[in-house]
């Protein structure tokens, strides 16, 4: 099996499937986030059902294809989300047909408050890049052993930053500090628990992709600047 710090030559169908799953989870989570659900005594956004999967898929991308490829996919997800949000906004401001009475429902579900939108975009970029960076660095440090330490360790930091950045930017000054901290902690613990429980599945997917793709990226020579578009 080839160990490389560079992206695959060309893109296989499996790679396209992984990228598609990543973007789909991200976009779906952003739409679902408007609903608040109760699980036992925890109050959480409905997005918690699917958003952690984007981190699991991000781990797979970095582990198999490397940070350089994951970086491009993270930016792809960002711009896809931007297109979706802009489309929802444009649809919302266009005049409604005289017989259509769903504008209020449309605005409530698909309309984004500017502050929430900015918080979501910043949290996504900070969390995803931190997750990918830490996993890539830990892989080098562990010489490719102990995958579970990388997937869980990177998620602890990435999901923690995502939750802290989003909730702070979105709600600071509008809810008590104690409630703010509690919301960050609750989301962080739930998301990390999700990742931990998915570890056996992550092992299977990573092992299968490494075998089929004949790739096992080590980012020895990678430049980790998130703004670069090269491997």
C-alpha atoms as a PDB file:
ATOM      1  CA  UNK A   1       0.000   0.000   0.000  1.00  0.00           C
ATOM      2  CA  UNK A   2       1.363   3.369  -0.994  1.00  0.00           C
ATOM      3  CA  UNK A   3       1.992   5.878   1.778  1.00  0.00           C
ATOM      4  CA  UNK A   4       1.894   9.385   0.438  1.00  0.00           C
ATOM      5  CA  UNK A   5       1.487  13.001   1.461  1.00  0.00           C
ATOM      6  CA  UNK A   6      -0.209  13.815  -1.826  1.00  0.00           C
ATOM      7  CA  UNK A   7      -3.758  13.461  -3.058  1.00  0.00           C
ATOM      8  CA  UNK A   8      -4.810  10.505  -5.222  1.00  0.00           C
ATOM      9  CA  UNK A   9      -4.122  10.806  -8.928  1.00  0.00           C
ATOM     10  CA  UNK A  10      -7.638  11.382 -10.128  1.00  0.00           C
ATOM     11  CA  UNK A  11     -10.760  10.770  -8.119  1.00  0.00           C
ATOM     12  CA  UNK A  12     -12.344   7.366  -7.716  1.00  0.00           C
ATOM     13  CA  UNK A  13     -16.052   6.692  -7.341  1.00  0.00           C
ATOM     14  CA  UNK A  14     -15.488   5.850  -3.674  1.00  0.00           C
ATOM     15  CA  UNK A  15     -13.840   9.214  -3.108  1.00  0.00           C
ATOM     16  CA  UNK A  16     -16.763  10.999  -4.757  1.00  0.00           C
ATOM     17  CA  UNK A  17     -19.182   9.071  -2.530  1.00  0.00           C
ATOM     18  CA  UNK A  18     -17.287  10.096   0.613  1.00  0.00           C
ATOM     19  CA  UNK A  19     -17.213  13.764  -0.431  1.00  0.00           C
ATOM     20  CA  UNK A  20     -20.902  13.688  -1.343  1.00  0.00           C
ATOM     21  CA  UNK A  21     -21.758  12.206   2.051  1.00  0.00           C
ATOM     22  CA  UNK A  22     -19.743  14.915   3.811  1.00  0.00           C
ATOM     23  CA  UNK A  23     -21.472  17.774   1.990  1.00  0.00           C
ATOM     24  CA  UNK A  24     -24.911  16.169   2.334  1.00  0.00           C
ATOM     25  CA  UNK A  25     -24.527  15.788   6.102  1.00  0.00           C
ATOM     26  CA  UNK A  26     -23.396  19.393   6.421  1.00  0.00           C
ATOM     27  CA  UNK A  27     -26.268  20.867   4.408  1.00  0.00           C
ATOM     28  CA  UNK A  28     -28.872  18.620   6.027  1.00  0.00           C
ATOM     29  CA  UNK A  29     -27.660  19.536   9.516  1.00  0.00           C
ATOM     30  CA  UNK A  30     -27.907  23.255   8.784  1.00  0.00           C
ATOM     31  CA  UNK A  31     -31.534  22.885   7.667  1.00  0.00           C
ATOM     32  CA  UNK A  32     -32.472  20.627  10.599  1.00  0.00           C
ATOM     33  CA  UNK A  33     -30.861  22.943  13.137  1.00  0.00           C
ATOM     34  CA  UNK A  34     -33.955  25.152  13.317  1.00  0.00           C
ATOM     35  CA  UNK A  35     -35.786  22.469  15.307  1.00  0.00           C
ATOM     36  CA  UNK A  36     -34.990  21.945  18.977  1.00  0.00           C
ATOM     37  CA  UNK A  37     -35.466  18.416  20.292  1.00  0.00           C
ATOM     38  CA  UNK A  38     -35.478  16.755  23.694  1.00  0.00           C
ATOM     39  CA  UNK A  39     -33.519  13.558  24.311  1.00  0.00           C
ATOM     40  CA  UNK A  40     -34.171  12.399  27.854  1.00  0.00           C
ATOM     41  CA  UNK A  41     -33.516  15.640  29.764  1.00  0.00           C
ATOM     42  CA  UNK A  42     -31.220  17.177  27.157  1.00  0.00           C
ATOM     43  CA  UNK A  43     -32.411  20.017  24.934  1.00  0.00           C
ATOM     44  CA  UNK A  44     -30.505  19.944  21.650  1.00  0.00           C
ATOM     45  CA  UNK A  45     -30.808  21.120  18.045  1.00  0.00           C
ATOM     46  CA  UNK A  46     -32.151  18.402  15.760  1.00  0.00           C
ATOM     47  CA  UNK A  47     -28.952  18.726  13.742  1.00  0.00           C
ATOM     48  CA  UNK A  48     -27.159  16.700  16.415  1.00  0.00           C
ATOM     49  CA  UNK A  49     -28.634  13.624  14.718  1.00  0.00           C
ATOM     50  CA  UNK A  50     -26.533  14.050  11.587  1.00  0.00           C
ATOM     51  CA  UNK A  51     -23.915  16.795  12.055  1.00  0.00           C
ATOM     52  CA  UNK A  52     -21.410  14.563  13.912  1.00  0.00           C
ATOM     53  CA  UNK A  53     -21.370  12.316  10.847  1.00  0.00           C
ATOM     54  CA  UNK A  54     -19.663  15.122   8.934  1.00  0.00           C
ATOM     55  CA  UNK A  55     -16.818  14.939  11.469  1.00  0.00           C
ATOM     56  CA  UNK A  56     -16.611  11.172  11.118  1.00  0.00           C
ATOM     57  CA  UNK A  57     -16.436  11.510   7.335  1.00  0.00           C
ATOM     58  CA  UNK A  58     -13.876  14.292   7.758  1.00  0.00           C
ATOM     59  CA  UNK A  59     -11.753  11.903   9.816  1.00  0.00           C
ATOM     60  CA  UNK A  60     -11.987   9.310   7.044  1.00  0.00           C
ATOM     61  CA  UNK A  61     -10.946  11.864   4.416  1.00  0.00           C
ATOM     62  CA  UNK A  62      -7.900  12.995   6.373  1.00  0.00           C
ATOM     63  CA  UNK A  63      -6.870   9.487   7.421  1.00  0.00           C
ATOM     64  CA  UNK A  64      -7.086   7.962   3.947  1.00  0.00           C
ATOM     65  CA  UNK A  65      -6.485  10.858   1.534  1.00  0.00           C
ATOM     66  CA  UNK A  66      -4.593  13.365   3.679  1.00  0.00           C
ATOM     67  CA  UNK A  67      -5.033  16.876   5.026  1.00  0.00           C
ATOM     68  CA  UNK A  68      -4.506  18.523   1.629  1.00  0.00           C
ATOM     69  CA  UNK A  69      -7.514  16.724   0.151  1.00  0.00           C
ATOM     70  CA  UNK A  70      -9.628  17.213   3.288  1.00  0.00           C
ATOM     71  CA  UNK A  71      -8.854  20.946   3.151  1.00  0.00           C
ATOM     72  CA  UNK A  72     -10.367  21.195  -0.322  1.00  0.00           C
ATOM     73  CA  UNK A  73     -13.439  19.239   0.728  1.00  0.00           C
ATOM     74  CA  UNK A  74     -13.948  21.470   3.772  1.00  0.00           C
ATOM     75  CA  UNK A  75     -13.916  24.555   1.531  1.00  0.00           C
ATOM     76  CA  UNK A  76     -16.209  22.788  -0.937  1.00  0.00           C
ATOM     77  CA  UNK A  77     -18.681  22.198   1.890  1.00  0.00           C
ATOM     78  CA  UNK A  78     -18.426  25.841   2.911  1.00  0.00           C
ATOM     79  CA  UNK A  79     -19.212  27.143  -0.571  1.00  0.00           C
ATOM     80  CA  UNK A  80     -22.016  24.615  -1.088  1.00  0.00           C
ATOM     81  CA  UNK A  81     -23.559  25.834   2.141  1.00  0.00           C
ATOM     82  CA  UNK A  82     -23.166  29.413   0.963  1.00  0.00           C
ATOM     83  CA  UNK A  83     -25.028  28.587  -2.255  1.00  0.00           C
ATOM     84  CA  UNK A  84     -27.857  26.946  -0.304  1.00  0.00           C
ATOM     85  CA  UNK A  85     -28.207  29.871   2.108  1.00  0.00           C
ATOM     86  CA  UNK A  86     -28.128  32.415  -0.708  1.00  0.00           C
ATOM     87  CA  UNK A  87     -30.760  30.438  -2.605  1.00  0.00           C
ATOM     88  CA  UNK A  88     -33.040  30.292   0.434  1.00  0.00           C
ATOM     89  CA  UNK A  89     -32.611  34.029   0.952  1.00  0.00           C
ATOM     90  CA  UNK A  90     -33.371  34.820  -2.683  1.00  0.00           C
ATOM     91  CA  UNK A  91     -36.444  32.583  -2.622  1.00  0.00           C
ATOM     92  CA  UNK A  92     -37.602  34.318   0.540  1.00  0.00           C
ATOM     93  CA  UNK A  93     -37.449  37.869  -0.814  1.00  0.00           C
ATOM     94  CA  UNK A  94     -39.086  37.116  -4.148  1.00  0.00           C
ATOM     95  CA  UNK A  95     -42.788  38.072  -4.334  1.00  0.00           C
ATOM     96  CA  UNK A  96     -45.152  35.261  -3.386  1.00  0.00           C
ATOM     97  CA  UNK A  97     -47.958  34.062  -5.641  1.00  0.00           C
ATOM     98  CA  UNK A  98     -51.284  35.605  -4.545  1.00  0.00           C
ATOM     99  CA  UNK A  99     -52.718  32.233  -3.525  1.00  0.00           C
ATOM    100  CA  UNK A 100     -49.650  31.064  -1.540  1.00  0.00           C
ATOM    101  CA  UNK A 101     -49.914  31.517   2.225  1.00  0.00           C
ATOM    102  CA  UNK A 102     -46.711  29.827   3.374  1.00  0.00           C
ATOM    103  CA  UNK A 103     -44.348  32.833   3.540  1.00  0.00           C
ATOM    104  CA  UNK A 104     -44.225  32.952   7.336  1.00  0.00           C
ATOM    105  CA  UNK A 105     -43.445  29.227   7.537  1.00  0.00           C
ATOM    106  CA  UNK A 106     -40.795  29.577   4.814  1.00  0.00           C
ATOM    107  CA  UNK A 107     -39.116  32.455   6.637  1.00  0.00           C
ATOM    108  CA  UNK A 108     -39.158  30.648   9.973  1.00  0.00           C
ATOM    109  CA  UNK A 109     -37.635  27.417   8.693  1.00  0.00           C
ATOM    110  CA  UNK A 110     -35.403  28.539   5.836  1.00  0.00           C
ATOM    111  CA  UNK A 111     -34.676  32.131   6.782  1.00  0.00           C
ATOM    112  CA  UNK A 112     -31.402  32.735   8.625  1.00  0.00           C
ATOM    113  CA  UNK A 113     -30.766  35.577  11.053  1.00  0.00           C
ATOM    114  CA  UNK A 114     -27.466  37.219   9.990  1.00  0.00           C
ATOM    115  CA  UNK A 115     -25.877  36.646  13.395  1.00  0.00           C
ATOM    116  CA  UNK A 116     -26.756  32.943  13.403  1.00  0.00           C
ATOM    117  CA  UNK A 117     -25.470  32.581   9.866  1.00  0.00           C
ATOM    118  CA  UNK A 118     -22.099  34.198  10.603  1.00  0.00           C
ATOM    119  CA  UNK A 119     -21.742  32.093  13.756  1.00  0.00           C
ATOM    120  CA  UNK A 120     -22.505  28.916  11.810  1.00  0.00           C
ATOM    121  CA  UNK A 121     -19.965  29.641   9.066  1.00  0.00           C
ATOM    122  CA  UNK A 122     -17.166  30.547  11.473  1.00  0.00           C
ATOM    123  CA  UNK A 123     -17.847  27.560  13.723  1.00  0.00           C
ATOM    124  CA  UNK A 124     -17.820  25.166  10.769  1.00  0.00           C
ATOM    125  CA  UNK A 125     -14.471  26.375   9.435  1.00  0.00           C
ATOM    126  CA  UNK A 126     -12.762  26.514  12.832  1.00  0.00           C
ATOM    127  CA  UNK A 127     -14.061  23.119  13.942  1.00  0.00           C
ATOM    128  CA  UNK A 128     -13.474  21.196  10.720  1.00  0.00           C
ATOM    129  CA  UNK A 129      -9.960  22.519  10.120  1.00  0.00           C
ATOM    130  CA  UNK A 130      -8.960  21.888  13.738  1.00  0.00           C
ATOM    131  CA  UNK A 131     -10.323  18.344  13.494  1.00  0.00           C
ATOM    132  CA  UNK A 132      -8.435  17.579  10.284  1.00  0.00           C
ATOM    133  CA  UNK A 133      -5.197  19.229  11.436  1.00  0.00           C
ATOM    134  CA  UNK A 134      -5.058  17.376  14.746  1.00  0.00           C
ATOM    135  CA  UNK A 135      -5.850  14.013  13.168  1.00  0.00           C
ATOM    136  CA  UNK A 136      -3.116  14.476  10.545  1.00  0.00           C
ATOM    137  CA  UNK A 137      -0.539  15.511  13.148  1.00  0.00           C
ATOM    138  CA  UNK A 138      -1.488  12.692  15.520  1.00  0.00           C
ATOM    139  CA  UNK A 139      -1.173  10.169  12.701  1.00  0.00           C
ATOM    140  CA  UNK A 140       2.436  11.200  12.187  1.00  0.00           C
ATOM    141  CA  UNK A 141       3.132  11.196  15.930  1.00  0.00           C
ATOM    142  CA  UNK A 142       1.639   7.718  16.406  1.00  0.00           C
ATOM    143  CA  UNK A 143       3.157   6.371  13.156  1.00  0.00           C
ATOM    144  CA  UNK A 144      -0.303   5.369  11.973  1.00  0.00           C
ATOM    145  CA  UNK A 145      -1.159   3.282  15.052  1.00  0.00           C
ATOM    146  CA  UNK A 146      -4.154   3.627  17.363  1.00  0.00           C
ATOM    147  CA  UNK A 147      -6.668   5.111  14.948  1.00  0.00           C
ATOM    148  CA  UNK A 148      -9.196   5.530  17.760  1.00  0.00           C
ATOM    149  CA  UNK A 149      -6.941   8.024  19.537  1.00  0.00           C
ATOM    150  CA  UNK A 150      -6.896  10.199  16.424  1.00  0.00           C
ATOM    151  CA  UNK A 151     -10.588  10.060  15.603  1.00  0.00           C
ATOM    152  CA  UNK A 152     -11.717  10.725  19.174  1.00  0.00           C
ATOM    153  CA  UNK A 153      -8.897  13.139  20.034  1.00  0.00           C
ATOM    154  CA  UNK A 154      -9.450  15.296  16.974  1.00  0.00           C
ATOM    155  CA  UNK A 155     -13.203  15.302  17.586  1.00  0.00           C
ATOM    156  CA  UNK A 156     -12.778  16.418  21.190  1.00  0.00           C
ATOM    157  CA  UNK A 157     -11.017  19.533  19.945  1.00  0.00           C
ATOM    158  CA  UNK A 158     -12.915  20.099  16.683  1.00  0.00           C
ATOM    159  CA  UNK A 159     -16.411  19.605  18.095  1.00  0.00           C
ATOM    160  CA  UNK A 160     -15.476  21.577  21.195  1.00  0.00           C
ATOM    161  CA  UNK A 161     -14.367  24.548  19.131  1.00  0.00           C
ATOM    162  CA  UNK A 162     -17.389  24.253  16.835  1.00  0.00           C
ATOM    163  CA  UNK A 163     -19.839  24.288  19.747  1.00  0.00           C
ATOM    164  CA  UNK A 164     -18.014  27.057  21.624  1.00  0.00           C
ATOM    165  CA  UNK A 165     -17.634  29.339  18.605  1.00  0.00           C
ATOM    166  CA  UNK A 166     -21.188  28.875  17.347  1.00  0.00           C
ATOM    167  CA  UNK A 167     -23.019  29.248  20.640  1.00  0.00           C
ATOM    168  CA  UNK A 168     -20.847  32.152  21.787  1.00  0.00           C
ATOM    169  CA  UNK A 169     -21.124  34.153  18.569  1.00  0.00           C
ATOM    170  CA  UNK A 170     -24.819  33.367  18.150  1.00  0.00           C
ATOM    171  CA  UNK A 171     -26.073  33.967  21.677  1.00  0.00           C
ATOM    172  CA  UNK A 172     -23.580  35.905  23.828  1.00  0.00           C
ATOM    173  CA  UNK A 173     -25.295  38.892  25.377  1.00  0.00           C
ATOM    174  CA  UNK A 174     -28.752  37.391  24.885  1.00  0.00           C
ATOM    175  CA  UNK A 175     -28.681  34.546  27.416  1.00  0.00           C
ATOM    176  CA  UNK A 176     -26.919  34.210  30.798  1.00  0.00           C
ATOM    177  CA  UNK A 177     -23.266  33.167  30.750  1.00  0.00           C
ATOM    178  CA  UNK A 178     -23.985  30.068  32.820  1.00  0.00           C
ATOM    179  CA  UNK A 179     -26.640  28.908  30.367  1.00  0.00           C
ATOM    180  CA  UNK A 180     -24.247  29.610  27.495  1.00  0.00           C
ATOM    181  CA  UNK A 181     -21.506  27.467  29.048  1.00  0.00           C
ATOM    182  CA  UNK A 182     -23.976  24.684  29.826  1.00  0.00           C
ATOM    183  CA  UNK A 183     -25.204  24.625  26.220  1.00  0.00           C
ATOM    184  CA  UNK A 184     -21.629  24.417  24.901  1.00  0.00           C
ATOM    185  CA  UNK A 185     -20.749  21.585  27.286  1.00  0.00           C
ATOM    186  CA  UNK A 186     -23.908  19.612  26.545  1.00  0.00           C
ATOM    187  CA  UNK A 187     -23.507  19.757  22.774  1.00  0.00           C
ATOM    188  CA  UNK A 188     -19.801  18.952  23.025  1.00  0.00           C
ATOM    189  CA  UNK A 189     -20.375  15.870  25.178  1.00  0.00           C
ATOM    190  CA  UNK A 190     -23.204  14.553  23.005  1.00  0.00           C
ATOM    191  CA  UNK A 191     -21.250  15.003  19.769  1.00  0.00           C
ATOM    192  CA  UNK A 192     -18.104  13.407  21.178  1.00  0.00           C
ATOM    193  CA  UNK A 193     -20.114  10.508  22.579  1.00  0.00           C
ATOM    194  CA  UNK A 194     -21.600  10.030  19.114  1.00  0.00           C
ATOM    195  CA  UNK A 195     -18.107   9.859  17.611  1.00  0.00           C
ATOM    196  CA  UNK A 196     -16.893   7.403  20.225  1.00  0.00           C
ATOM    197  CA  UNK A 197     -19.810   5.039  19.610  1.00  0.00           C
ATOM    198  CA  UNK A 198     -19.172   5.221  15.858  1.00  0.00           C
ATOM    199  CA  UNK A 199     -15.505   4.226  16.244  1.00  0.00           C
ATOM    200  CA  UNK A 200     -15.987   0.552  15.214  1.00  0.00           C
ATOM    201  CA  UNK A 201     -17.760   1.677  12.030  1.00  0.00           C
ATOM    202  CA  UNK A 202     -15.025   4.250  11.362  1.00  0.00           C
ATOM    203  CA  UNK A 203     -12.409   1.479  11.606  1.00  0.00           C
ATOM    204  CA  UNK A 204     -14.277  -0.631   9.061  1.00  0.00           C
ATOM    205  CA  UNK A 205     -14.738   2.231   6.596  1.00  0.00           C
ATOM    206  CA  UNK A 206     -11.125   3.401   6.877  1.00  0.00           C
ATOM    207  CA  UNK A 207      -9.796  -0.139   6.464  1.00  0.00           C
ATOM    208  CA  UNK A 208     -12.001  -0.774   3.439  1.00  0.00           C
ATOM    209  CA  UNK A 209     -11.050   2.495   1.723  1.00  0.00           C
ATOM    210  CA  UNK A 210      -7.336   2.024   2.347  1.00  0.00           C
ATOM    211  CA  UNK A 211      -7.529  -1.440   0.816  1.00  0.00           C
ATOM    212  CA  UNK A 212      -9.642  -0.422  -2.199  1.00  0.00           C
ATOM    213  CA  UNK A 213      -7.954   2.916  -2.865  1.00  0.00           C
ATOM    214  CA  UNK A 214      -4.452   1.711  -1.998  1.00  0.00           C
ATOM    215  CA  UNK A 215      -3.919   4.945  -0.108  1.00  0.00           C
ATOM    216  CA  UNK A 216      -2.749   5.713   3.404  1.00  0.00           C
ATOM    217  CA  UNK A 217      -1.756   9.370   3.524  1.00  0.00           C
ATOM    218  CA  UNK A 218       0.887  10.722   5.884  1.00  0.00           C
ATOM    219  CA  UNK A 219       1.196  14.504   5.834  1.00  0.00           C
ATOM    220  CA  UNK A 220       4.943  14.757   6.350  1.00  0.00           C
ATOM    221  CA  UNK A 221       5.453  17.476   3.765  1.00  0.00           C
ATOM    222  CA  UNK A 222       2.029  19.096   3.853  1.00  0.00           C
ATOM    223  CA  UNK A 223       1.685  22.806   4.510  1.00  0.00           C
ATOM    224  CA  UNK A 224      -1.232  23.148   6.907  1.00  0.00           C
ATOM    225  CA  UNK A 225      -2.321  26.678   6.067  1.00  0.00           C
ATOM    226  CA  UNK A 226      -6.115  26.302   5.640  1.00  0.00           C
ATOM    227  CA  UNK A 227      -6.156  28.941   2.898  1.00  0.00           C
ATOM    228  CA  UNK A 228      -3.909  26.968   0.563  1.00  0.00           C
ATOM    229  CA  UNK A 229      -5.535  24.963  -2.214  1.00  0.00           C
ATOM    230  CA  UNK A 230      -2.566  22.709  -2.947  1.00  0.00           C
ATOM    231  CA  UNK A 231      -1.995  19.216  -1.458  1.00  0.00           C
END
